[in-house]
C-alpha cells in the first residue's frame, strides 16, 4: 500500500474481504516474505484474524490459523525445509503413466 493510503484501514479491509470469501474461510496457512515491507504489514494484520507465526525461515514467515489441526501445526514447525534439487520441485515422479 502506498504511503498516502497507509493507516486508513484499507489493508485491513482488503484482508477482511479476502478472508470472508469461501476460500478465505478455509485458509489455514499464510506465507509472508521477510524482506517485503508490505508483507510484514500483512503478517501483522493476519494476527488480528486468528493467525500466529509458527515458523520463520531465512526469507519468509509461516503463519497458521488457530483452527489448523495440531498435527499440521507440528508438521509445519518441524518438517525439513531443504529445497528439492532442481527439477524435483515436489519430490514426486514426473514420469507419465498411461
PDB file of N, CA and C in Angstrom:
ATOM      1  N   UNK A   1       0.855  -1.159   0.000  1.00  0.00           N
ATOM      2  CA  UNK A   1       0.000   0.000   0.000  1.00  0.00           C
ATOM      3  C   UNK A   1       0.904   1.225   0.000  1.00  0.00           C
ATOM      4  N   UNK A   2       0.656   2.125  -0.925  1.00  0.00           N
ATOM      5  CA  UNK A   2       1.449   3.349  -0.999  1.00  0.00           C
ATOM      6  C   UNK A   2       1.236   4.194   0.262  1.00  0.00           C
ATOM      7  N   UNK A   3       2.264   4.922   0.614  1.00  0.00           N
ATOM      8  CA  UNK A   3       2.270   5.675   1.866  1.00  0.00           C
ATOM      9  C   UNK A   3       1.048   6.565   2.086  1.00  0.00           C
ATOM     10  N   UNK A   4       0.568   7.304   1.087  1.00  0.00           N
ATOM     11  CA  UNK A   4      -0.591   8.178   1.356  1.00  0.00           C
ATOM     12  C   UNK A   4      -1.841   7.415   1.798  1.00  0.00           C
ATOM     13  N   UNK A   5      -1.894   6.120   1.520  1.00  0.00           N
ATOM     14  CA  UNK A   5      -3.080   5.328   1.843  1.00  0.00           C
ATOM     15  C   UNK A   5      -2.892   4.467   3.092  1.00  0.00           C
ATOM     16  N   UNK A   6      -1.702   4.500   3.676  1.00  0.00           N
ATOM     17  CA  UNK A   6      -1.430   3.692   4.862  1.00  0.00           C
ATOM     18  C   UNK A   6      -2.115   4.294   6.087  1.00  0.00           C
ATOM     19  N   UNK A   7      -2.531   3.424   7.000  1.00  0.00           N
ATOM     20  CA  UNK A   7      -3.128   3.882   8.250  1.00  0.00           C
ATOM     21  C   UNK A   7      -4.572   4.310   8.130  1.00  0.00           C
ATOM     22  N   UNK A   8      -5.189   4.019   7.013  1.00  0.00           N
ATOM     23  CA  UNK A   8      -6.591   4.409   6.813  1.00  0.00           C
ATOM     24  C   UNK A   8      -7.536   3.206   6.844  1.00  0.00           C
ATOM     25  N   UNK A   9      -6.989   2.021   7.105  1.00  0.00           N
ATOM     26  CA  UNK A   9      -7.835   0.832   7.201  1.00  0.00           C
ATOM     27  C   UNK A   9      -8.054   0.101   5.893  1.00  0.00           C
ATOM     28  N   UNK A  10      -7.412   0.552   4.812  1.00  0.00           N
ATOM     29  CA  UNK A  10      -7.609  -0.102   3.518  1.00  0.00           C
ATOM     30  C   UNK A  10      -7.031  -1.521   3.515  1.00  0.00           C
ATOM     31  N   UNK A  11      -5.836  -1.690   4.065  1.00  0.00           N
ATOM     32  CA  UNK A  11      -5.219  -3.020   4.115  1.00  0.00           C
ATOM     33  C   UNK A  11      -6.056  -3.972   4.943  1.00  0.00           C
ATOM     34  N   UNK A  12      -6.510  -3.521   6.089  1.00  0.00           N
ATOM     35  CA  UNK A  12      -7.366  -4.334   6.952  1.00  0.00           C
ATOM     36  C   UNK A  12      -8.650  -4.722   6.226  1.00  0.00           C
ATOM     37  N   UNK A  13      -9.234  -3.790   5.514  1.00  0.00           N
ATOM     38  CA  UNK A  13     -10.468  -4.081   4.764  1.00  0.00           C
ATOM     39  C   UNK A  13     -10.206  -5.113   3.665  1.00  0.00           C
ATOM     40  N   UNK A  14      -9.060  -4.991   2.992  1.00  0.00           N
ATOM     41  CA  UNK A  14      -8.732  -5.954   1.935  1.00  0.00           C
ATOM     42  C   UNK A  14      -8.535  -7.352   2.507  1.00  0.00           C
ATOM     43  N   UNK A  15      -7.791  -7.471   3.610  1.00  0.00           N
ATOM     44  CA  UNK A  15      -7.574  -8.781   4.241  1.00  0.00           C
ATOM     45  C   UNK A  15      -8.908  -9.346   4.716  1.00  0.00           C
ATOM     46  N   UNK A  16      -9.731  -8.508   5.310  1.00  0.00           N
ATOM     47  CA  UNK A  16     -11.045  -8.938   5.792  1.00  0.00           C
ATOM     48  C   UNK A  16     -11.909  -9.460   4.646  1.00  0.00           C
ATOM     49  N   UNK A  17     -11.910  -8.747   3.531  1.00  0.00           N
ATOM     50  CA  UNK A  17     -12.682  -9.184   2.361  1.00  0.00           C
ATOM     51  C   UNK A  17     -12.162 -10.515   1.817  1.00  0.00           C
ATOM     52  N   UNK A  18     -10.843 -10.666   1.741  1.00  0.00           N
ATOM     53  CA  UNK A  18     -10.265 -11.919   1.247  1.00  0.00           C
ATOM     54  C   UNK A  18     -10.629 -13.089   2.155  1.00  0.00           C
ATOM     55  N   UNK A  19     -10.550 -12.873   3.464  1.00  0.00           N
ATOM     56  CA  UNK A  19     -10.849 -13.953   4.401  1.00  0.00           C
ATOM     57  C   UNK A  19     -12.339 -14.246   4.519  1.00  0.00           C
ATOM     58  N   UNK A  20     -13.181 -13.366   3.983  1.00  0.00           N
ATOM     59  CA  UNK A  20     -14.628 -13.587   4.013  1.00  0.00           C
ATOM     60  C   UNK A  20     -15.118 -14.437   2.838  1.00  0.00           C
ATOM     61  N   UNK A  21     -14.271 -14.652   1.835  1.00  0.00           N
ATOM     62  CA  UNK A  21     -14.668 -15.485   0.686  1.00  0.00           C
ATOM     63  C   UNK A  21     -14.694 -16.949   1.108  1.00  0.00           C
ATOM     64  N   UNK A  22     -15.359 -17.818   0.326  1.00  0.00           N
ATOM     65  CA  UNK A  22     -15.361 -19.248   0.679  1.00  0.00           C
ATOM     66  C   UNK A  22     -13.945 -19.821   0.835  1.00  0.00           C
ATOM     67  N   UNK A  23     -13.052 -19.481  -0.067  1.00  0.00           N
ATOM     68  CA  UNK A  23     -11.675 -19.965   0.045  1.00  0.00           C
ATOM     69  C   UNK A  23     -10.979 -19.339   1.251  1.00  0.00           C
ATOM     70  N   UNK A  24     -11.201 -18.067   1.476  1.00  0.00           N
ATOM     71  CA  UNK A  24     -10.591 -17.380   2.609  1.00  0.00           C
ATOM     72  C   UNK A  24     -11.020 -17.966   3.942  1.00  0.00           C
ATOM     73  N   UNK A  25     -12.272 -18.411   4.019  1.00  0.00           N
ATOM     74  CA  UNK A  25     -12.774 -19.016   5.260  1.00  0.00           C
ATOM     75  C   UNK A  25     -12.090 -20.346   5.558  1.00  0.00           C
ATOM     76  N   UNK A  26     -11.507 -20.973   4.541  1.00  0.00           N
ATOM     77  CA  UNK A  26     -10.815 -22.254   4.734  1.00  0.00           C
ATOM     78  C   UNK A  26      -9.296 -22.084   4.825  1.00  0.00           C
ATOM     79  N   UNK A  27      -8.801 -20.865   4.661  1.00  0.00           N
ATOM     80  CA  UNK A  27      -7.357 -20.628   4.665  1.00  0.00           C
ATOM     81  C   UNK A  27      -6.778 -20.875   6.047  1.00  0.00           C
ATOM     82  N   UNK A  28      -5.739 -21.704   6.089  1.00  0.00           N
ATOM     83  CA  UNK A  28      -5.089 -22.014   7.352  1.00  0.00           C
ATOM     84  C   UNK A  28      -3.605 -21.658   7.349  1.00  0.00           C
ATOM     85  N   UNK A  29      -3.026 -21.411   6.186  1.00  0.00           N
ATOM     86  CA  UNK A  29      -1.596 -21.106   6.083  1.00  0.00           C
ATOM     87  C   UNK A  29      -1.394 -19.826   5.282  1.00  0.00           C
ATOM     88  N   UNK A  30      -0.557 -18.952   5.812  1.00  0.00           N
ATOM     89  CA  UNK A  30      -0.149 -17.748   5.089  1.00  0.00           C
ATOM     90  C   UNK A  30       1.368 -17.673   5.171  1.00  0.00           C
ATOM     91  N   UNK A  31       2.002 -17.413   4.041  1.00  0.00           N
ATOM     92  CA  UNK A  31       3.455 -17.239   3.998  1.00  0.00           C
ATOM     93  C   UNK A  31       3.733 -15.785   3.664  1.00  0.00           C
ATOM     94  N   UNK A  32       4.536 -15.142   4.487  1.00  0.00           N
ATOM     95  CA  UNK A  32       4.846 -13.726   4.293  1.00  0.00           C
ATOM     96  C   UNK A  32       6.355 -13.532   4.195  1.00  0.00           C
ATOM     97  N   UNK A  33       6.772 -12.851   3.151  1.00  0.00           N
ATOM     98  CA  UNK A  33       8.202 -12.592   2.932  1.00  0.00           C
ATOM     99  C   UNK A  33       8.737 -11.662   4.012  1.00  0.00           C
ATOM    100  N   UNK A  34       9.935 -11.939   4.464  1.00  0.00           N
ATOM    101  CA  UNK A  34      10.560 -11.100   5.492  1.00  0.00           C
ATOM    102  C   UNK A  34      11.141  -9.820   4.909  1.00  0.00           C
ATOM    103  N   UNK A  35      11.536  -9.852   3.647  1.00  0.00           N
ATOM    104  CA  UNK A  35      12.190  -8.701   3.028  1.00  0.00           C
ATOM    105  C   UNK A  35      11.204  -7.648   2.518  1.00  0.00           C
ATOM    106  N   UNK A  36       9.933  -7.977   2.470  1.00  0.00           N
ATOM    107  CA  UNK A  36       8.938  -7.067   1.920  1.00  0.00           C
ATOM    108  C   UNK A  36       8.210  -6.318   3.034  1.00  0.00           C
ATOM    109  N   UNK A  37       8.276  -5.006   2.989  1.00  0.00           N
ATOM    110  CA  UNK A  37       7.600  -4.194   3.998  1.00  0.00           C
ATOM    111  C   UNK A  37       6.094  -4.442   3.982  1.00  0.00           C
ATOM    112  N   UNK A  38       5.521  -4.553   2.790  1.00  0.00           N
ATOM    113  CA  UNK A  38       4.084  -4.809   2.676  1.00  0.00           C
ATOM    114  C   UNK A  38       3.694  -6.172   3.223  1.00  0.00           C
ATOM    115  N   UNK A  39       4.551  -7.129   3.011  1.00  0.00           N
ATOM    116  CA  UNK A  39       4.308  -8.468   3.517  1.00  0.00           C
ATOM    117  C   UNK A  39       4.361  -8.486   5.039  1.00  0.00           C
ATOM    118  N   UNK A  40       5.258  -7.697   5.606  1.00  0.00           N
ATOM    119  CA  UNK A  40       5.347  -7.597   7.072  1.00  0.00           C
ATOM    120  C   UNK A  40       4.070  -6.980   7.635  1.00  0.00           C
ATOM    121  N   UNK A  41       3.539  -5.986   6.943  1.00  0.00           N
ATOM    122  CA  UNK A  41       2.285  -5.361   7.384  1.00  0.00           C
ATOM    123  C   UNK A  41       1.145  -6.368   7.307  1.00  0.00           C
ATOM    124  N   UNK A  42       1.137  -7.161   6.233  1.00  0.00           N
ATOM    125  CA  UNK A  42       0.096  -8.171   6.060  1.00  0.00           C
ATOM    126  C   UNK A  42       0.166  -9.197   7.190  1.00  0.00           C
ATOM    127  N   UNK A  43       1.368  -9.640   7.543  1.00  0.00           N
ATOM    128  CA  UNK A  43       1.524 -10.593   8.647  1.00  0.00           C
ATOM    129  C   UNK A  43       0.960  -9.998   9.937  1.00  0.00           C
ATOM    130  N   UNK A  44       1.227  -8.721  10.149  1.00  0.00           N
ATOM    131  CA  UNK A  44       0.704  -8.041  11.342  1.00  0.00           C
ATOM    132  C   UNK A  44      -0.829  -8.066  11.348  1.00  0.00           C
ATOM    133  N   UNK A  45      -1.433  -7.788  10.201  1.00  0.00           N
ATOM    134  CA  UNK A  45      -2.896  -7.808  10.102  1.00  0.00           C
ATOM    135  C   UNK A  45      -3.455  -9.210  10.320  1.00  0.00           C
ATOM    136  N   UNK A  46      -2.775 -10.219   9.780  1.00  0.00           N
ATOM    137  CA  UNK A  46      -3.273 -11.592   9.910  1.00  0.00           C
ATOM    138  C   UNK A  46      -3.360 -12.037  11.363  1.00  0.00           C
ATOM    139  N   UNK A  47      -2.503 -11.497  12.214  1.00  0.00           N
ATOM    140  CA  UNK A  47      -2.570 -11.834  13.643  1.00  0.00           C
ATOM    141  C   UNK A  47      -3.932 -11.468  14.220  1.00  0.00           C
ATOM    142  N   UNK A  48      -4.513 -10.386  13.754  1.00  0.00           N
ATOM    143  CA  UNK A  48      -5.823  -9.953  14.244  1.00  0.00           C
ATOM    144  C   UNK A  48      -6.956 -10.866  13.778  1.00  0.00           C
ATOM    145  N   UNK A  49      -6.685 -11.713  12.795  1.00  0.00           N
ATOM    146  CA  UNK A  49      -7.707 -12.609  12.249  1.00  0.00           C
ATOM    147  C   UNK A  49      -7.438 -14.071  12.594  1.00  0.00           C
ATOM    148  N   UNK A  50      -6.705 -14.310  13.673  1.00  0.00           N
ATOM    149  CA  UNK A  50      -6.538 -15.657  14.169  1.00  0.00           C
ATOM    150  C   UNK A  50      -5.306 -16.396  13.691  1.00  0.00           C
ATOM    151  N   UNK A  51      -4.408 -15.726  13.005  1.00  0.00           N
ATOM    152  CA  UNK A  51      -3.176 -16.363  12.545  1.00  0.00           C
ATOM    153  C   UNK A  51      -2.058 -16.091  13.546  1.00  0.00           C
ATOM    154  N   UNK A  52      -1.151 -17.051  13.674  1.00  0.00           N
ATOM    155  CA  UNK A  52       0.006 -16.890  14.549  1.00  0.00           C
ATOM    156  C   UNK A  52       1.245 -17.402  13.825  1.00  0.00           C
ATOM    157  N   UNK A  53       2.356 -16.770  14.079  1.00  0.00           N
ATOM    158  CA  UNK A  53       3.613 -17.184  13.473  1.00  0.00           C
ATOM    159  C   UNK A  53       4.003 -18.549  14.037  1.00  0.00           C
ATOM    160  N   UNK A  54       4.272 -19.502  13.133  1.00  0.00           N
ATOM    161  CA  UNK A  54       4.634 -20.857  13.553  1.00  0.00           C
ATOM    162  C   UNK A  54       6.003 -21.290  13.055  1.00  0.00           C
ATOM    163  N   UNK A  55       6.543 -20.562  12.068  1.00  0.00           N
ATOM    164  CA  UNK A  55       7.860 -20.927  11.547  1.00  0.00           C
ATOM    165  C   UNK A  55       8.447 -19.715  10.833  1.00  0.00           C
ATOM    166  N   UNK A  56       9.701 -19.422  11.124  1.00  0.00           N
ATOM    167  CA  UNK A  56      10.401 -18.346  10.430  1.00  0.00           C
ATOM    168  C   UNK A  56      11.627 -18.949   9.763  1.00  0.00           C
ATOM    169  N   UNK A  57      11.711 -18.755   8.468  1.00  0.00           N
ATOM    170  CA  UNK A  57      12.832 -19.245   7.671  1.00  0.00           C
ATOM    171  C   UNK A  57      13.712 -18.050   7.293  1.00  0.00           C
ATOM    172  N   UNK A  58      14.711 -18.293   6.500  1.00  0.00           N
ATOM    173  CA  UNK A  58      15.625 -17.217   6.111  1.00  0.00           C
ATOM    174  C   UNK A  58      14.917 -16.102   5.356  1.00  0.00           C
ATOM    175  N   UNK A  59      13.908 -16.440   4.551  1.00  0.00           N
ATOM    176  CA  UNK A  59      13.289 -15.419   3.701  1.00  0.00           C
ATOM    177  C   UNK A  59      11.792 -15.232   3.920  1.00  0.00           C
ATOM    178  N   UNK A  60      11.166 -16.079   4.749  1.00  0.00           N
ATOM    179  CA  UNK A  60       9.724 -15.935   4.941  1.00  0.00           C
ATOM    180  C   UNK A  60       9.273 -16.451   6.297  1.00  0.00           C
ATOM    181  N   UNK A  61       8.096 -15.993   6.671  1.00  0.00           N
ATOM    182  CA  UNK A  61       7.456 -16.405   7.911  1.00  0.00           C
ATOM    183  C   UNK A  61       6.201 -17.190   7.547  1.00  0.00           C
ATOM    184  N   UNK A  62       5.959 -18.287   8.243  1.00  0.00           N
ATOM    185  CA  UNK A  62       4.760 -19.089   8.018  1.00  0.00           C
ATOM    186  C   UNK A  62       3.814 -18.842   9.186  1.00  0.00           C
ATOM    187  N   UNK A  63       2.597 -18.428   8.857  1.00  0.00           N
ATOM    188  CA  UNK A  63       1.582 -18.193   9.869  1.00  0.00           C
ATOM    189  C   UNK A  63       0.465 -19.211   9.679  1.00  0.00           C
ATOM    190  N   UNK A  64      -0.016 -19.773  10.787  1.00  0.00           N
ATOM    191  CA  UNK A  64      -1.112 -20.737  10.734  1.00  0.00           C
ATOM    192  C   UNK A  64      -2.291 -20.195  11.520  1.00  0.00           C
ATOM    193  N   UNK A  65      -3.503 -20.487  11.024  1.00  0.00           N
ATOM    194  CA  UNK A  65      -4.725 -20.067  11.705  1.00  0.00           C
ATOM    195  C   UNK A  65      -4.954 -20.933  12.932  1.00  0.00           C
ATOM    196  N   UNK A  66      -5.641 -20.383  13.924  1.00  0.00           N
ATOM    197  CA  UNK A  66      -5.860 -21.126  15.170  1.00  0.00           C
ATOM    198  C   UNK A  66      -6.672 -22.404  14.981  1.00  0.00           C
ATOM    199  N   UNK A  67      -7.424 -22.527  13.891  1.00  0.00           N
ATOM    200  CA  UNK A  67      -8.217 -23.738  13.657  1.00  0.00           C
ATOM    201  C   UNK A  67      -7.418 -24.855  12.963  1.00  0.00           C
ATOM    202  N   UNK A  68      -6.157 -24.583  12.610  1.00  0.00           N
ATOM    203  CA  UNK A  68      -5.321 -25.582  11.969  1.00  0.00           C
ATOM    204  C   UNK A  68      -5.132 -26.763  12.915  1.00  0.00           C
ATOM    205  N   UNK A  69      -5.358 -27.990  12.422  1.00  0.00           N
ATOM    206  CA  UNK A  69      -5.200 -29.165  13.286  1.00  0.00           C
ATOM    207  C   UNK A  69      -3.790 -29.238  13.887  1.00  0.00           C
ATOM    208  N   UNK A  70      -3.693 -29.670  15.139  1.00  0.00           N
ATOM    209  CA  UNK A  70      -2.389 -29.736  15.815  1.00  0.00           C
ATOM    210  C   UNK A  70      -1.348 -30.553  15.055  1.00  0.00           C
ATOM    211  N   UNK A  71      -1.786 -31.597  14.357  1.00  0.00           N
ATOM    212  CA  UNK A  71      -0.847 -32.422  13.598  1.00  0.00           C
ATOM    213  C   UNK A  71      -0.179 -31.615  12.488  1.00  0.00           C
ATOM    214  N   UNK A  72      -0.954 -30.740  11.851  1.00  0.00           N
ATOM    215  CA  UNK A  72      -0.419 -29.895  10.774  1.00  0.00           C
ATOM    216  C   UNK A  72       0.509 -28.832  11.362  1.00  0.00           C
ATOM    217  N   UNK A  73       0.126 -28.257  12.487  1.00  0.00           N
ATOM    218  CA  UNK A  73       0.979 -27.265  13.156  1.00  0.00           C
ATOM    219  C   UNK A  73       2.324 -27.910  13.472  1.00  0.00           C
ATOM    220  N   UNK A  74       2.290 -29.099  14.044  1.00  0.00           N
ATOM    221  CA  UNK A  74       3.529 -29.809  14.381  1.00  0.00           C
ATOM    222  C   UNK A  74       4.368 -30.063  13.128  1.00  0.00           C
ATOM    223  N   UNK A  75       3.719 -30.502  12.049  1.00  0.00           N
ATOM    224  CA  UNK A  75       4.426 -30.774  10.796  1.00  0.00           C
ATOM    225  C   UNK A  75       5.116 -29.514  10.277  1.00  0.00           C
ATOM    226  N   UNK A  76       4.398 -28.414  10.238  1.00  0.00           N
ATOM    227  CA  UNK A  76       4.976 -27.155   9.740  1.00  0.00           C
ATOM    228  C   UNK A  76       6.146 -26.710  10.612  1.00  0.00           C
ATOM    229  N   UNK A  77       6.022 -26.898  11.913  1.00  0.00           N
ATOM    230  CA  UNK A  77       7.060 -26.436  12.825  1.00  0.00           C
ATOM    231  C   UNK A  77       8.317 -27.312  12.803  1.00  0.00           C
ATOM    232  N   UNK A  78       8.176 -28.569  12.379  1.00  0.00           N
ATOM    233  CA  UNK A  78       9.309 -29.487  12.486  1.00  0.00           C
ATOM    234  C   UNK A  78       9.815 -30.065  11.167  1.00  0.00           C
ATOM    235  N   UNK A  79       9.080 -29.900  10.067  1.00  0.00           N
ATOM    236  CA  UNK A  79       9.490 -30.557   8.824  1.00  0.00           C
ATOM    237  C   UNK A  79      10.778 -29.959   8.265  1.00  0.00           C
ATOM    238  N   UNK A  80      11.488 -30.797   7.529  1.00  0.00           N
ATOM    239  CA  UNK A  80      12.729 -30.385   6.878  1.00  0.00           C
ATOM    240  C   UNK A  80      12.380 -29.404   5.773  1.00  0.00           C
ATOM    241  N   UNK A  81      12.992 -28.250   5.770  1.00  0.00           N
ATOM    242  CA  UNK A  81      12.670 -27.207   4.791  1.00  0.00           C
ATOM    243  C   UNK A  81      13.776 -27.019   3.764  1.00  0.00           C
ATOM    244  N   UNK A  82      14.525 -28.072   3.490  1.00  0.00           N
ATOM    245  CA  UNK A  82      15.576 -28.009   2.493  1.00  0.00           C
ATOM    246  C   UNK A  82      14.928 -28.079   1.111  1.00  0.00           C
ATOM    247  N   UNK A  83      15.216 -27.142   0.219  1.00  0.00           N
ATOM    248  CA  UNK A  83      14.609 -27.169  -1.119  1.00  0.00           C
ATOM    249  C   UNK A  83      14.996 -28.446  -1.864  1.00  0.00           C
ATOM    250  N   UNK A  84      14.061 -28.936  -2.675  1.00  0.00           N
ATOM    251  CA  UNK A  84      14.322 -30.105  -3.515  1.00  0.00           C
ATOM    252  C   UNK A  84      15.364 -29.735  -4.571  1.00  0.00           C
ATOM    253  N   UNK A  85      16.168 -30.711  -5.007  1.00  0.00           N
ATOM    254  CA  UNK A  85      17.121 -30.431  -6.096  1.00  0.00           C
ATOM    255  C   UNK A  85      16.385 -29.932  -7.331  1.00  0.00           C
ATOM    256  N   UNK A  86      17.065 -29.151  -8.145  1.00  0.00           N
ATOM    257  CA  UNK A  86      16.460 -28.620  -9.383  1.00  0.00           C
ATOM    258  C   UNK A  86      15.831 -29.738 -10.182  1.00  0.00           C
ATOM    259  N   UNK A  87      14.627 -29.500 -10.662  1.00  0.00           N
ATOM    260  CA  UNK A  87      13.932 -30.483 -11.475  1.00  0.00           C
ATOM    261  C   UNK A  87      13.087 -31.442 -10.642  1.00  0.00           C
ATOM    262  N   UNK A  88      13.164 -31.333  -9.320  1.00  0.00           N
ATOM    263  CA  UNK A  88      12.383 -32.193  -8.441  1.00  0.00           C
ATOM    264  C   UNK A  88      11.591 -31.324  -7.475  1.00  0.00           C
ATOM    265  N   UNK A  89      10.790 -30.429  -8.010  1.00  0.00           N
ATOM    266  CA  UNK A  89      10.104 -29.431  -7.204  1.00  0.00           C
ATOM    267  C   UNK A  89       9.272 -30.021  -6.076  1.00  0.00           C
ATOM    268  N   UNK A  90       8.575 -31.116  -6.316  1.00  0.00           N
ATOM    269  CA  UNK A  90       7.714 -31.645  -5.269  1.00  0.00           C
ATOM    270  C   UNK A  90       8.184 -32.977  -4.739  1.00  0.00           C
ATOM    271  N   UNK A  91       9.236 -33.519  -5.324  1.00  0.00           N
ATOM    272  CA  UNK A  91       9.698 -34.826  -4.897  1.00  0.00           C
ATOM    273  C   UNK A  91       8.928 -35.953  -5.544  1.00  0.00           C
ATOM    274  N   UNK A  92       7.887 -35.620  -6.306  1.00  0.00           N
ATOM    275  CA  UNK A  92       7.086 -36.635  -6.981  1.00  0.00           C
ATOM    276  C   UNK A  92       7.729 -36.983  -8.309  1.00  0.00           C
ATOM    277  N   UNK A  93       7.453 -38.165  -8.749  1.00  0.00           N
ATOM    278  CA  UNK A  93       7.961 -38.594 -10.048  1.00  0.00           C
ATOM    279  C   UNK A  93       7.220 -37.855 -11.147  1.00  0.00           C
ATOM    280  N   UNK A  94       7.938 -37.431 -12.142  1.00  0.00           N
ATOM    281  CA  UNK A  94       7.321 -36.724 -13.267  1.00  0.00           C
ATOM    282  C   UNK A  94       7.177 -37.651 -14.472  1.00  0.00           C
ATOM    283  N   UNK A  95       7.290 -38.941 -14.244  1.00  0.00           N
ATOM    284  CA  UNK A  95       7.174 -39.904 -15.328  1.00  0.00           C
ATOM    285  C   UNK A  95       5.701 -40.089 -15.658  1.00  0.00           C
ATOM    286  N   UNK A  96       5.364 -39.924 -16.903  1.00  0.00           N
ATOM    287  CA  UNK A  96       3.981 -40.100 -17.337  1.00  0.00           C
ATOM    288  C   UNK A  96       3.633 -41.574 -17.385  1.00  0.00           C
ATOM    289  N   UNK A  97       2.459 -41.902 -16.911  1.00  0.00           N
ATOM    290  CA  UNK A  97       1.974 -43.292 -16.992  1.00  0.00           C
ATOM    291  C   UNK A  97       0.663 -43.287 -17.742  1.00  0.00           C
ATOM    292  N   UNK A  98       0.487 -44.298 -18.564  1.00  0.00           N
ATOM    293  CA  UNK A  98      -0.763 -44.404 -19.334  1.00  0.00           C
ATOM    294  C   UNK A  98      -1.321 -45.780 -19.234  1.00  0.00           C
TER     295      UNK A  98
END
